[in-house]
C-alpha atoms as a PDB file:
ATOM      1  CA  MET A   1      44.670  36.634 -75.467  1.00  0.00           C
ATOM      2  CA  ASP A   2      45.771  34.931 -78.667  1.00  0.00           C
ATOM      3  CA  LYS A   3      49.335  33.660 -78.756  1.00  0.00           C
ATOM      4  CA  THR A   4      49.826  34.834 -82.341  1.00  0.00           C
ATOM      5  CA  TYR A   5      49.014  38.072 -84.114  1.00  0.00           C
ATOM      6  CA  ASP A   6      46.497  37.819 -86.938  1.00  0.00           C
ATOM      7  CA  PRO A   7      46.841  41.081 -88.867  1.00  0.00           C
ATOM      8  CA  HIS A   8      43.777  40.469 -91.028  1.00  0.00           C
ATOM      9  CA  ALA A   9      41.503  40.131 -88.009  1.00  0.00           C
ATOM     10  CA  ILE A  10      42.739  43.322 -86.362  1.00  0.00           C
ATOM     11  CA  GLU A  11      43.848  45.670 -89.112  1.00  0.00           C
ATOM     12  CA  GLN A  12      40.770  45.309 -91.319  1.00  0.00           C
ATOM     13  CA  LYS A  13      38.537  46.566 -88.497  1.00  0.00           C
ATOM     14  CA  TRP A  14      40.750  49.541 -87.712  1.00  0.00           C
ATOM     15  CA  TYR A  15      41.403  50.425 -91.347  1.00  0.00           C
ATOM     16  CA  GLN A  16      37.664  50.654 -91.987  1.00  0.00           C
ATOM     17  CA  ALA A  17      37.248  52.864 -88.902  1.00  0.00           C
ATOM     18  CA  TRP A  18      40.073  55.159 -90.025  1.00  0.00           C
ATOM     19  CA  GLU A  19      38.596  55.409 -93.531  1.00  0.00           C
ATOM     20  CA  ALA A  20      35.108  56.154 -92.153  1.00  0.00           C
ATOM     21  CA  ASN A  21      36.487  58.947 -89.949  1.00  0.00           C
ATOM     22  CA  GLY A  22      38.505  60.532 -92.763  1.00  0.00           C
ATOM     23  CA  TYR A  23      41.884  59.990 -91.102  1.00  0.00           C
ATOM     24  CA  PHE A  24      43.613  59.484 -94.467  1.00  0.00           C
ATOM     25  CA  ALA A  25      42.105  62.601 -96.047  1.00  0.00           C
ATOM     26  CA  PRO A  26      44.397  65.636 -96.110  1.00  0.00           C
ATOM     27  CA  HIS A  27      43.014  68.586 -94.181  1.00  0.00           C
ATOM     28  CA  THR A  28      44.157  71.672 -92.333  1.00  0.00           C
ATOM     29  CA  GLU A  29      42.541  73.989 -89.858  1.00  0.00           C
ATOM     30  CA  GLU A  30      43.140  76.846 -92.323  1.00  0.00           C
ATOM     31  CA  GLY A  31      41.219  75.104 -95.097  1.00  0.00           C
ATOM     32  CA  ASP A  32      42.294  75.288 -98.730  1.00  0.00           C
ATOM     33  CA  ASN A  33      44.241  78.532 -98.191  1.00  0.00           C
ATOM     34  CA  ALA A  34      46.962  76.908 -96.075  1.00  0.00           C
ATOM     35  CA  ASP A  35      50.553  76.994 -97.273  1.00  0.00           C
ATOM     36  CA  SER A  36      51.942  73.631 -98.290  1.00  0.00           C
ATOM     37  CA  TYR A  37      55.401  72.306 -97.541  1.00  0.00           C
ATOM     38  CA  CYS A  38      57.636  69.449 -98.555  1.00  0.00           C
ATOM     39  CA  ILE A  39      60.170  67.471 -96.533  1.00  0.00           C
ATOM     40  CA  MET A  40      63.079  66.385 -98.688  1.00  0.00           C
ATOM     41  CA  ILE A  41      64.063  62.880 -97.706  1.00  0.00           C
ATOM     42  CA  PRO A  42      67.367  61.655 -99.123  1.00  0.00           C
ATOM     43  CA  PRO A  43      67.375  58.182-100.632  1.00  0.00           C
ATOM     44  CA  PRO A  44      68.405  55.377 -98.305  1.00  0.00           C
ATOM     45  CA  ASN A  45      72.023  54.393 -98.439  1.00  0.00           C
ATOM     46  CA  VAL A  46      73.985  51.310 -97.508  1.00  0.00           C
ATOM     47  CA  THR A  47      76.745  52.895 -95.442  1.00  0.00           C
ATOM     48  CA  GLY A  48      75.730  51.175 -92.216  1.00  0.00           C
ATOM     49  CA  THR A  49      73.144  49.116 -90.394  1.00  0.00           C
ATOM     50  CA  LEU A  50      69.728  50.300 -89.289  1.00  0.00           C
ATOM     51  CA  HIS A  51      69.419  51.593 -85.736  1.00  0.00           C
ATOM     52  CA  MET A  52      66.847  53.371 -83.549  1.00  0.00           C
ATOM     53  CA  GLY A  53      67.948  56.760 -84.883  1.00  0.00           C
ATOM     54  CA  HIS A  54      66.492  55.867 -88.268  1.00  0.00           C
ATOM     55  CA  ALA A  55      63.110  55.062 -86.731  1.00  0.00           C
ATOM     56  CA  PHE A  56      63.183  58.233 -84.624  1.00  0.00           C
ATOM     57  CA  GLN A  57      63.992  60.475 -87.593  1.00  0.00           C
ATOM     58  CA  ASP A  58      61.354  58.892 -89.821  1.00  0.00           C
ATOM     59  CA  THR A  59      58.733  59.085 -87.062  1.00  0.00           C
ATOM     60  CA  ILE A  60      59.276  62.828 -86.711  1.00  0.00           C
ATOM     61  CA  MET A  61      58.836  63.319 -90.465  1.00  0.00           C
ATOM     62  CA  ASP A  62      55.701  61.147 -90.445  1.00  0.00           C
ATOM     63  CA  ALA A  63      54.219  63.236 -87.632  1.00  0.00           C
ATOM     64  CA  LEU A  64      54.798  66.461 -89.543  1.00  0.00           C
END
């Protein structure tokens, strides 16, 4: 195993695979007739330091 991470060697391969499989293309099981939705994300603020709660909240929104 390499001691350092080379993002170009790894990510290029996976990005091409994701593109080829249509993982970035929007789709639904209902087709074009599905209702759309929007998640309102407030702008970031500077009232404190980042913590794991930020990552957890953003991960949930990304999954939706």
